[in-house]
Protein backbone atom coordinates (compact mmCIF):
# COMPACT_ATOMS: atom_id res chain seq x y z
CA UNK A 1 2.09 31.88 -30.37
CA UNK A 2 2.41 31.17 -26.71
CA UNK A 3 4.50 28.08 -25.79
CA UNK A 4 3.25 25.56 -23.37
CA UNK A 5 5.39 25.06 -20.20
CA UNK A 6 7.42 21.94 -20.23
CA UNK A 7 6.29 19.53 -17.63
CA UNK A 8 6.55 19.26 -14.37
CA UNK A 9 8.51 16.18 -14.54
CA UNK A 10 11.32 17.97 -16.54
CA UNK A 11 10.81 21.11 -13.73
CA UNK A 12 11.86 18.53 -11.75
CA UNK A 13 14.95 17.22 -13.20
CA UNK A 14 16.22 21.10 -14.31
CA UNK A 15 16.12 21.99 -10.46
CA UNK A 16 17.77 18.95 -9.50
CA UNK A 17 20.79 18.92 -11.44
CA UNK A 18 20.90 22.58 -10.09
CA UNK A 19 20.69 22.17 -7.10
CA UNK A 20 23.39 19.12 -6.87
CA UNK A 21 25.70 20.12 -10.05
CA UNK A 22 26.27 23.37 -10.20
CA UNK A 23 29.17 22.83 -12.44
CA UNK A 24 27.28 21.83 -15.53
CA UNK A 25 27.32 24.44 -18.50
CA UNK A 26 23.30 25.45 -18.57
CA UNK A 27 20.79 24.93 -19.68
CA UNK A 28 22.14 22.81 -22.55
CA UNK A 29 23.81 20.00 -20.21
CA UNK A 30 21.16 19.97 -18.43
CA UNK A 31 18.26 19.77 -21.23
CA UNK A 32 20.16 17.11 -22.77
CA UNK A 33 20.18 14.85 -19.73
CA UNK A 34 16.47 15.23 -19.17
CA UNK A 35 15.70 14.67 -22.45
CA UNK A 36 17.47 11.92 -22.61
CA UNK A 37 15.93 10.11 -19.55
CA UNK A 38 12.57 11.35 -20.36
CA UNK A 39 13.45 9.18 -24.02
CA UNK A 40 14.72 5.98 -21.79
CA UNK A 41 11.04 6.20 -19.28
CA UNK A 42 8.70 6.79 -22.27
CA UNK A 43 10.61 3.72 -24.43
CA UNK A 44 10.35 1.69 -20.88
CA UNK A 45 6.28 2.43 -20.38
CA UNK A 46 5.57 1.98 -24.25
CA UNK A 47 7.36 -1.26 -23.52
CA UNK A 48 5.20 -2.06 -20.53
CA UNK A 49 1.83 -1.35 -22.46
CA UNK A 50 3.16 -3.67 -25.63
CA UNK A 51 3.46 -6.61 -23.08
CA UNK A 52 0.86 -5.77 -20.65
CA UNK A 53 -2.13 -4.98 -22.30
CA UNK A 54 -5.70 -4.13 -20.64
CA UNK A 55 -3.83 -4.10 -17.21
CA UNK A 56 -4.78 -0.40 -16.18
CA UNK A 57 -3.71 -0.39 -12.74
CA UNK A 58 -0.08 -2.16 -13.39
CA UNK A 59 0.38 0.61 -15.94
CA UNK A 60 -0.71 3.20 -13.87
CA UNK A 61 1.36 2.10 -10.94
CA UNK A 62 4.69 1.61 -12.85
CA UNK A 63 3.99 5.28 -14.87
CA UNK A 64 3.87 7.29 -11.40
CA UNK A 65 6.95 5.90 -10.06
CA UNK A 66 9.27 5.66 -13.40
CA UNK A 67 8.12 9.40 -13.86
CA UNK A 68 8.52 10.74 -10.61
CA UNK A 69 12.21 8.69 -10.16
CA UNK A 70 13.68 10.97 -13.64
CA UNK A 71 15.68 13.45 -11.76
CA UNK A 72 17.91 10.39 -9.74
CA UNK A 73 17.68 8.68 -13.44
CA UNK A 74 18.97 11.37 -15.21
CA UNK A 75 22.31 12.17 -11.95
CA UNK A 76 23.32 8.28 -12.43
CA UNK A 77 24.42 6.68 -15.47
CA UNK A 78 25.11 3.47 -13.80
CA UNK A 79 21.22 2.56 -13.75
CA UNK A 80 20.86 3.77 -17.55
CA UNK A 81 24.01 1.34 -18.54
CA UNK A 82 22.54 -1.75 -16.36
CA UNK A 83 19.06 -1.54 -17.55
CA UNK A 84 17.52 -1.07 -13.75
CA UNK A 85 14.15 0.08 -14.88
CA UNK A 86 13.84 -1.99 -17.55
CA UNK A 87 14.04 -4.55 -15.11
CA UNK A 88 12.67 -3.38 -12.52
CA UNK A 89 8.98 -3.06 -14.42
CA UNK A 90 9.00 -7.30 -15.60
CA UNK A 91 8.33 -9.79 -12.42
CA UNK A 92 11.07 -12.16 -11.67
CA UNK A 93 8.24 -14.82 -11.61
CA UNK A 94 4.36 -14.73 -12.09
CA UNK A 95 2.20 -17.66 -11.36
CA UNK A 96 -1.69 -18.31 -12.49
CA UNK A 97 -3.48 -21.72 -10.98
CA UNK A 98 -6.65 -22.87 -11.21
CA UNK A 99 -8.33 -23.08 -7.52
CA UNK A 100 -11.34 -25.91 -7.69
CA UNK A 101 -13.24 -26.30 -4.53
CA UNK A 102 -16.40 -27.61 -3.50
CA UNK A 103 -19.42 -25.74 -1.74
CA UNK A 104 -21.50 -26.65 0.90
CA UNK A 105 -24.21 -27.74 -1.97
CA UNK A 106 -21.77 -30.23 -3.22
CA UNK A 107 -21.33 -28.02 -6.17
CA UNK A 108 -17.62 -27.57 -8.01
CA UNK A 109 -16.33 -24.33 -8.05
CA UNK A 110 -13.16 -22.96 -10.20
CA UNK A 111 -11.35 -19.79 -8.92
CA UNK A 112 -8.48 -18.35 -10.41
CA UNK A 113 -5.18 -17.97 -7.88
CA UNK A 114 -2.26 -15.88 -8.66
CA UNK A 115 1.38 -15.01 -6.85
CA UNK A 116 3.72 -12.33 -8.50
CA UNK A 117 7.16 -12.38 -7.04
CA UNK A 118 8.17 -9.00 -8.23
CA UNK A 119 11.94 -8.26 -7.18
CA UNK A 120 14.19 -10.00 -4.77
CA UNK A 121 17.00 -7.62 -4.57
CA UNK A 122 16.93 -7.18 -0.66
CA UNK A 123 15.47 -10.04 0.49
CA UNK A 124 12.66 -13.00 0.65
CA UNK A 125 9.43 -11.39 -1.47
CA UNK A 126 6.82 -10.03 1.29
CA UNK A 127 3.38 -8.84 0.10
CA UNK A 128 -0.05 -9.61 0.97
CA UNK A 129 -2.84 -12.13 -0.36
CA UNK A 130 -6.23 -10.48 -1.76
CA UNK A 131 -9.49 -12.40 -1.86
CA UNK A 132 -12.03 -10.14 -3.84
CA UNK A 133 -13.70 -10.83 -7.40
CA UNK A 134 -12.00 -7.80 -9.10
CA UNK A 135 -8.42 -9.23 -8.63
CA UNK A 136 -6.79 -9.54 -11.58
CA UNK A 137 -3.44 -10.02 -13.30
CA UNK A 138 -2.97 -6.08 -13.53
CA UNK A 139 -4.33 -5.66 -9.83
CA UNK A 140 -1.99 -7.99 -8.77
CA UNK A 141 1.00 -6.76 -10.48
CA UNK A 142 0.14 -2.92 -9.40
CA UNK A 143 0.36 -4.19 -6.15
CA UNK A 144 3.34 -6.12 -6.32
CA UNK A 145 5.12 -3.30 -8.16
CA UNK A 146 4.42 -0.64 -5.42
CA UNK A 147 5.38 -3.70 -2.75
CA UNK A 148 8.62 -3.35 -3.90
CA UNK A 149 9.10 -0.02 -2.88
CA UNK A 150 7.29 0.11 0.15
CA UNK A 151 9.43 -2.86 1.55
CA UNK A 152 12.18 -0.55 0.78
CA UNK A 153 11.48 1.90 2.72
CA UNK A 154 11.12 0.10 5.76
CA UNK A 155 14.33 -0.46 5.77
CA UNK A 156 14.18 -4.34 6.67
CA UNK A 157 15.31 -7.36 4.16
CA UNK A 158 12.49 -8.06 2.25
CA UNK A 159 11.33 -8.21 -0.93
CA UNK A 160 8.01 -7.46 -3.18
CA UNK A 161 5.44 -9.73 -4.17
CA UNK A 162 1.81 -10.19 -4.19
CA UNK A 163 -0.98 -13.18 -4.95
CA UNK A 164 -4.67 -13.80 -3.95
CA UNK A 165 -7.58 -14.82 -6.00
CA UNK A 166 -11.14 -13.75 -7.70
CA UNK A 167 -12.56 -15.75 -4.67
CA UNK A 168 -15.19 -13.52 -2.54
CA UNK A 169 -15.15 -15.02 0.72
CA UNK A 170 -18.26 -12.48 1.61
CA UNK A 171 -21.65 -14.52 2.13
CA UNK A 172 -19.20 -18.08 2.26
CA UNK A 173 -19.47 -20.51 5.62
CA UNK A 174 -15.97 -21.56 7.42
CA UNK A 175 -16.01 -24.25 6.10
CA UNK A 176 -16.61 -23.11 2.18
CA UNK A 177 -13.54 -20.74 3.17
CA UNK A 178 -11.59 -23.20 4.50
CA UNK A 179 -11.79 -25.42 1.12
CA UNK A 180 -10.73 -22.82 -1.00
CA UNK A 181 -8.02 -21.66 0.98
CA UNK A 182 -6.64 -25.67 1.47
CA UNK A 183 -7.01 -26.04 -2.58
CA UNK A 184 -5.16 -22.42 -3.05
CA UNK A 185 -2.34 -23.47 -1.10
CA UNK A 186 -1.69 -26.47 -2.52
CA UNK A 187 -0.96 -24.57 -5.25
CA UNK A 188 1.15 -22.37 -3.71
CA UNK A 189 3.28 -23.80 -1.22
CA UNK A 190 5.19 -25.46 -3.44
CA UNK A 191 6.21 -21.37 -4.85
CA UNK A 192 6.82 -19.80 -1.15
CA UNK A 193 8.92 -20.59 1.94
CA UNK A 194 10.44 -18.69 5.02
CA UNK A 195 13.74 -18.07 2.68
CA UNK A 196 12.11 -17.39 -0.51
CA UNK A 197 7.83 -15.82 -0.17
CA UNK A 198 6.18 -14.80 2.67
CA UNK A 199 2.76 -14.03 1.97
CA UNK A 200 0.58 -12.20 4.38
CA UNK A 201 -2.90 -10.86 4.46
CA UNK A 202 -4.75 -8.32 2.54
CA UNK A 203 -8.11 -7.43 1.56
CA UNK A 204 -10.91 -10.76 2.06
CA UNK A 205 -7.72 -12.26 3.69
CA UNK A 206 -7.68 -12.41 7.70
CA UNK A 207 -6.37 -13.97 10.57
CA UNK A 208 -9.10 -16.58 9.11
CA UNK A 209 -7.86 -16.79 6.18
CA UNK A 210 -4.16 -17.07 7.09
CA UNK A 211 -4.78 -19.86 9.86
CA UNK A 212 -6.88 -22.31 6.92
CA UNK A 213 -3.65 -21.70 4.31
CA UNK A 214 -0.51 -21.70 7.19
CA UNK A 215 -2.50 -25.20 8.09
CA UNK A 216 -2.33 -26.56 4.61
CA UNK A 217 1.06 -25.61 4.24
CA UNK A 218 2.18 -27.24 7.50
CA UNK A 219 0.32 -30.65 6.11
CA UNK A 220 2.11 -30.24 2.59
CA UNK A 221 5.85 -28.90 4.16
CA UNK A 222 5.75 -31.21 6.91
CA UNK A 223 7.31 -28.19 8.75
CA UNK A 224 6.05 -25.30 11.54
CA UNK A 225 7.63 -22.36 9.50
CA UNK A 226 6.97 -18.35 9.47
CA UNK A 227 5.73 -18.88 5.97
CA UNK A 228 2.77 -16.39 6.47
CA UNK A 229 2.28 -13.40 8.66
CA UNK A 230 -0.79 -12.70 10.37
CA UNK A 231 -1.08 -15.29 12.27
CA UNK A 232 -2.87 -15.73 15.63
CA UNK A 233 -0.86 -15.00 18.24
CA UNK A 234 -1.56 -18.49 20.23
CA UNK A 235 0.35 -20.08 16.81
CA UNK A 236 3.50 -17.51 15.70
CA UNK A 237 1.59 -14.29 15.36
CA UNK A 238 2.77 -10.89 16.42
CA UNK A 239 1.52 -8.58 18.78
CA UNK A 240 0.51 -5.04 16.92
CA UNK A 241 0.20 -6.70 13.45
CA UNK A 242 -3.61 -6.63 12.98
CA UNK A 243 -3.26 -3.10 14.53
CA UNK A 244 -0.07 -1.47 12.11
CA UNK A 245 -1.34 -0.87 8.47
CA UNK A 246 -4.30 1.97 10.34
CA UNK A 247 -1.82 2.88 13.23
CA UNK A 248 0.92 3.19 11.00
CA UNK A 249 -0.75 5.54 8.50
CA UNK A 250 -1.80 7.91 11.75
CA UNK A 251 2.00 7.80 12.92
CA UNK A 252 2.69 8.92 9.34
CA UNK A 253 0.08 11.77 9.44
CA UNK A 254 1.39 13.11 12.78
CA UNK A 255 5.19 13.08 11.20
CA UNK A 256 3.31 15.27 8.51
CA UNK A 257 1.57 17.16 11.19
CA UNK A 258 5.09 17.92 12.32
CA UNK A 259 5.89 20.36 9.97
CA UNK A 260 3.69 22.25 10.31
CA UNK A 261 4.01 22.38 14.41
CA UNK A 262 0.52 20.80 14.52
CA UNK A 263 -1.02 18.03 16.37
CA UNK A 264 -3.95 15.42 15.29
CA UNK A 265 -5.65 16.24 18.27
CA UNK A 266 -8.84 17.65 17.48
CA UNK A 267 -9.09 17.27 13.81
CA UNK A 268 -12.35 16.33 12.06
CA UNK A 269 -10.89 13.07 10.21
CA UNK A 270 -12.89 11.09 7.72
CA UNK A 271 -12.29 7.57 6.92
CA UNK A 272 -12.90 4.93 4.44
CA UNK A 273 -13.45 1.18 4.81
CA UNK A 274 -14.95 -0.95 7.50
CA UNK A 275 -12.42 -3.35 7.35
CA UNK A 276 -8.53 -4.03 9.05
CA UNK A 277 -7.00 -0.99 8.31
CA UNK A 278 -10.19 1.52 8.65
CA UNK A 279 -10.82 0.32 11.89
CA UNK A 280 -7.43 0.55 13.65
CA UNK A 281 -7.08 4.05 11.98
CA UNK A 282 -10.04 4.97 13.75
CA UNK A 283 -8.77 3.63 16.54
CA UNK A 284 -5.68 5.27 16.88
CA UNK A 285 -7.68 8.85 15.77
CA UNK A 286 -9.92 8.19 18.47
CA UNK A 287 -6.86 7.47 21.00
CA UNK A 288 -5.25 10.89 19.79
CA UNK A 289 -7.75 12.97 20.37
CA UNK A 290 -8.76 13.23 16.89
CA UNK A 291 -12.02 12.94 15.73
CA UNK A 292 -13.13 10.37 13.19
CA UNK A 293 -16.66 10.86 11.45
CA UNK A 294 -16.85 8.31 8.41
CA UNK A 295 -16.67 5.23 7.62
CA UNK A 296 -17.70 2.80 4.64
CA UNK A 297 -17.99 -0.29 2.70
CA UNK A 298 -18.90 -1.29 -1.04
CA UNK A 299 -22.72 0.03 -0.41
CA UNK A 300 -21.77 2.99 1.29
CA UNK A 301 -20.99 5.40 3.86
CA UNK A 302 -22.06 5.86 7.51
CA UNK A 303 -21.62 9.55 8.86
CA UNK A 304 -22.06 10.39 12.30
CA UNK A 305 -21.44 14.06 13.09
CA UNK A 306 -20.81 13.42 16.91
CA UNK A 307 -17.59 11.33 16.11
CA UNK A 308 -17.31 7.55 15.99
CA UNK A 309 -16.73 6.94 19.88
CA UNK A 310 -14.58 3.15 20.98
CA UNK A 311 -18.12 1.72 22.03
CA UNK A 312 -19.06 2.77 18.54
CA UNK A 313 -16.16 1.04 17.24
CA UNK A 314 -16.51 -1.93 19.08
CA UNK A 315 -19.71 -2.35 17.15
CA UNK A 316 -18.69 -1.98 14.00
CA UNK A 317 -15.86 -4.57 14.46
CA UNK A 318 -18.47 -6.64 15.36
CA UNK A 319 -20.73 -5.96 12.84
CA UNK A 320 -17.31 -6.56 10.31
CA UNK A 321 -15.48 -9.04 11.86
CA UNK A 322 -18.09 -11.42 13.07
CA UNK A 323 -21.13 -10.92 11.87
CA UNK A 324 -19.25 -10.04 8.63
CA UNK A 325 -22.61 -7.46 8.24
CA UNK A 326 -22.91 -4.25 6.50
CA UNK A 327 -21.63 -0.65 7.69
CA UNK A 328 -25.33 -0.02 7.21
CA UNK A 329 -26.28 -1.31 10.72
CA UNK A 330 -24.31 1.25 12.34
CA UNK A 331 -27.62 3.64 11.60
CA UNK A 332 -29.64 1.43 13.26
CA UNK A 333 -27.81 1.54 16.58
CA UNK A 334 -26.48 5.12 16.77
CA UNK A 335 -28.71 8.43 16.72
CA UNK A 336 -27.05 11.32 14.92
CA UNK A 337 -26.04 9.24 12.38
CA UNK A 338 -26.64 8.61 8.98
CA UNK A 339 -25.99 6.20 6.01
CA UNK A 340 -25.52 7.04 2.18
CA UNK A 341 -25.98 4.46 -0.11
CA UNK A 342 -23.20 4.21 -3.10
CA UNK A 343 -21.20 7.21 -1.75
CA UNK A 344 -17.61 7.62 -0.70
CA UNK A 345 -17.16 9.87 2.30
CA UNK A 346 -14.88 12.77 0.39
CA UNK A 347 -17.45 15.28 0.06
CA UNK A 348 -17.80 15.89 3.93
CA UNK A 349 -15.98 18.77 5.42
CA UNK A 350 -12.72 17.45 7.14
CA UNK A 351 -9.11 18.84 8.39
CA UNK A 352 -7.50 15.03 7.16
CA UNK A 353 -8.97 12.03 4.92
CA UNK A 354 -7.64 8.57 5.78
CA UNK A 355 -8.19 6.39 2.46
CA UNK A 356 -8.02 2.82 3.98
CA UNK A 357 -10.79 0.81 1.38
CA UNK A 358 -9.52 0.21 -2.08
CA UNK A 359 -7.52 1.50 -5.01
CA UNK A 360 -8.42 4.39 -7.44
CA UNK A 361 -11.29 5.71 -4.75
CA UNK A 362 -10.57 8.70 -4.78
CA UNK A 363 -11.02 10.76 -8.29
CA UNK A 364 -9.65 14.34 -9.46
CA UNK A 365 -12.88 15.35 -8.42
CA UNK A 366 -13.18 13.78 -5.29
CA UNK A 367 -10.04 15.67 -4.41
CA UNK A 368 -11.27 18.81 -5.21
CA UNK A 369 -13.83 18.31 -2.98
CA UNK A 370 -11.94 17.45 -0.51
CA UNK A 371 -9.53 20.52 -0.63
CA UNK A 372 -12.88 22.51 -1.10
CA UNK A 373 -14.03 21.00 2.21
CA UNK A 374 -11.10 22.29 4.08
CA UNK A 375 -9.30 18.77 3.91
CA UNK A 376 -5.66 19.78 3.94
CA UNK A 377 -3.83 16.48 4.79
CA UNK A 378 -4.42 12.82 2.94
CA UNK A 379 -2.45 9.74 4.60
CA UNK A 380 -3.40 6.63 2.48
CA UNK A 381 -3.55 3.65 4.18
CA UNK A 382 -4.76 1.76 1.04
CA UNK A 383 -2.60 1.05 -1.84
CA UNK A 384 -3.18 3.48 -4.79
CA UNK A 385 -6.15 4.96 -3.62
CA UNK A 386 -6.26 8.55 -5.23
CA UNK A 387 -5.98 8.61 -8.81
CA UNK A 388 -2.84 10.50 -11.01
CA UNK A 389 -5.33 13.64 -11.36
CA UNK A 390 -6.12 13.58 -7.72
CA UNK A 391 -2.14 12.91 -6.85
CA UNK A 392 -1.64 15.80 -8.99
CA UNK A 393 -4.17 18.32 -7.54
CA UNK A 394 -2.71 17.56 -3.71
CA UNK A 395 0.98 18.28 -5.08
CA UNK A 396 -0.55 21.29 -6.64
CA UNK A 397 -2.34 22.75 -3.81
CA UNK A 398 0.44 21.80 -1.51
CA UNK A 399 -1.47 19.75 1.22
CA UNK A 400 0.07 17.27 3.32
CA UNK A 401 0.04 13.99 1.24
CA UNK A 402 1.94 10.54 2.61
CA UNK A 403 1.31 8.20 -0.75
CA UNK A 404 0.29 4.40 0.24
CA UNK A 405 3.81 2.86 -0.39
CA UNK A 406 5.08 5.51 2.55
CA UNK A 407 2.40 6.15 4.59
CA UNK A 408 0.57 2.53 4.60
CA UNK A 409 4.07 0.72 5.51
CA UNK A 410 3.33 0.13 8.98
CA UNK A 411 1.66 -3.18 7.84
CA UNK A 412 4.28 -4.73 6.54
CA UNK A 413 6.53 -3.70 8.53
CA UNK A 414 5.01 -5.23 11.13
CA UNK A 415 5.13 -8.25 8.73
CA UNK A 416 8.71 -8.17 8.87
CA UNK A 417 8.86 -8.05 12.73
CA UNK A 418 6.69 -10.72 13.07
CA UNK A 419 9.31 -12.55 10.71
CA UNK A 420 11.98 -11.63 12.97
CA UNK A 421 10.45 -13.33 15.69
CA UNK A 422 9.29 -16.39 14.16
CA UNK A 423 13.35 -16.77 12.90
CA UNK A 424 14.34 -16.13 16.77
CA UNK A 425 10.87 -18.12 18.24
CA UNK A 426 10.60 -14.95 20.41
CA UNK A 427 7.69 -13.34 21.00
CA UNK A 428 8.00 -9.33 21.59
CA UNK A 429 5.67 -7.59 23.88
CA UNK A 430 3.30 -5.19 22.58
CA UNK A 431 5.13 -1.77 23.84
CA UNK A 432 8.84 -3.03 21.80
CA UNK A 433 6.39 -3.68 18.46
CA UNK A 434 4.80 -0.42 18.78
CA UNK A 435 7.90 1.38 19.72
CA UNK A 436 9.78 0.00 16.94
CA UNK A 437 6.69 0.10 14.53
CA UNK A 438 6.59 4.30 15.60
CA UNK A 439 10.36 4.66 14.87
CA UNK A 440 10.07 2.89 11.28
CA UNK A 441 7.06 5.39 10.06
CA UNK A 442 9.31 8.29 11.47
CA UNK A 443 12.12 7.09 9.80
CA UNK A 444 10.01 6.43 6.44
CA UNK A 445 8.76 10.17 6.45
CA UNK A 446 12.40 11.61 7.30
CA UNK A 447 13.77 9.75 4.26
CA UNK A 448 11.10 10.83 1.79
CA UNK A 449 10.76 14.41 3.18
CA UNK A 450 14.68 14.67 2.59
CA UNK A 451 14.86 13.09 -0.38
CA UNK A 452 12.16 15.17 -2.09
CA UNK A 453 14.25 18.44 -0.57
CA UNK A 454 17.71 16.96 -2.14
CA UNK A 455 15.79 16.47 -5.57
CA UNK A 456 14.37 20.09 -5.61
CA UNK A 457 10.71 19.12 -4.53
CA UNK A 458 10.78 20.18 -1.27
CA UNK A 459 7.16 18.97 0.60
CA UNK A 460 6.49 16.36 -2.55
CA UNK A 461 6.55 13.10 -0.89
CA UNK A 462 5.67 10.74 -3.98
CA UNK A 463 8.83 11.92 -5.15
CA UNK A 464 10.58 11.59 -1.80
CA UNK A 465 9.47 8.04 -1.52
CA UNK A 466 9.48 6.98 -4.51
CA UNK A 467 13.23 8.04 -5.08
CA UNK A 468 13.87 6.38 -1.76
CA UNK A 469 12.85 3.40 -2.49
CA UNK A 470 13.97 2.96 -5.93
CA UNK A 471 17.68 3.60 -4.78
CA UNK A 472 18.16 1.05 -2.44
CA UNK A 473 16.32 -1.58 -4.53
CA UNK A 474 18.57 -0.44 -7.65
CA UNK A 475 21.76 -0.27 -5.97
CA UNK A 476 20.73 -3.92 -4.68
CA UNK A 477 20.44 -5.44 -7.87
CA UNK A 478 23.69 -3.74 -9.07
CA UNK A 479 25.86 -5.06 -6.77
CA UNK A 480 24.18 -8.88 -7.28
CA UNK A 481 24.90 -8.39 -11.12
CA UNK A 482 22.45 -9.70 -14.32
CA UNK A 483 19.76 -12.34 -12.56
């Protein structure tokens, strides 16, 4: 009878111990330590399942991180003794509240609001607000958990949090959005502040919503402080903040390509989404000489074999940001393009893929199609857009894969830079912010790349990013005691 090979995470642990501690008695000692850590992680995951039933996204995020950091848990007894994992998966604070508001017809509407303050070991909680009908406790908790490691990777003093509501701003008038935002902030304001928790935007929360939220906070708190990021430039915002997530994902892709002595110039790129991250990913790709050929929204995708140009992107920005229309309008304006309803762009031939829409948008089957069609780089501008089966396939086939917590960290990094500018009451020029953003993305890549190699998984940026982010947070938690 043939025996099944040990799981990949066990093999990672074995290689890591062999690499770092050649004096150990093998295989007995390594097996014992790996077995102990596997049991601990399984125990923590079982606890998460029991405490968070019916929260698949949160469990998915926790499982992905804990399984990939097993080698560092093997190596460091101090983390096991201090129950770092048990504390890390439990939010420091979770707020849920009612958001009543009145629509333009005079009807009372009621939504549900959330703020999850996950971990403050490195600084004030930092993370966006999402307004979308799919928002739930599971979605917000997974986003907050991911944010902890993403913020850690930036090197800036920021903890991790996330929030939002099951409110859909699509189809709402400006006054309806204002009434909702004011009601939302009327509860949230008591839980946030420039030294406590600094929210930002996310899906459904752009400059308009940030403005209304800030105005209500200022009214209630009677102070003008940097409590929110993503503000307009004329009242405390930072240059480059709108562009940062998309630009950062392209900068990260450039770093990955350097490992193969390649550049992004001339590469055929598929992009999902048509919001902020997608728009500026496309903008930076055009600027770098690449050829983006797709964008999408919840209704379907547009495919332009001739490439999306600056002029065409300008039209998309007008449709989505001003008229708040559908991406299908693109094909009525530009010849040679086509619209495919209900589809994502992962079946289209490309060199590089940039998922910029939402979580779990790349399935295992999508990943297989991407690889079969010649894609060899994926840079995640969205949060957890690839399901575990897709991630496993990317790693197995050794394509260049930038996980969201690393590749899309440019957005929160620039939010951190906005916080610094607010504290100093001093705006920085565009060139300085962009330079700092490039440096941060390069540093994140280098840190993840070197950490992956250090732990016996060269090229595996999932392992590298998770371990690098975890170690910094865990050490801060040790320093601060049992809190």
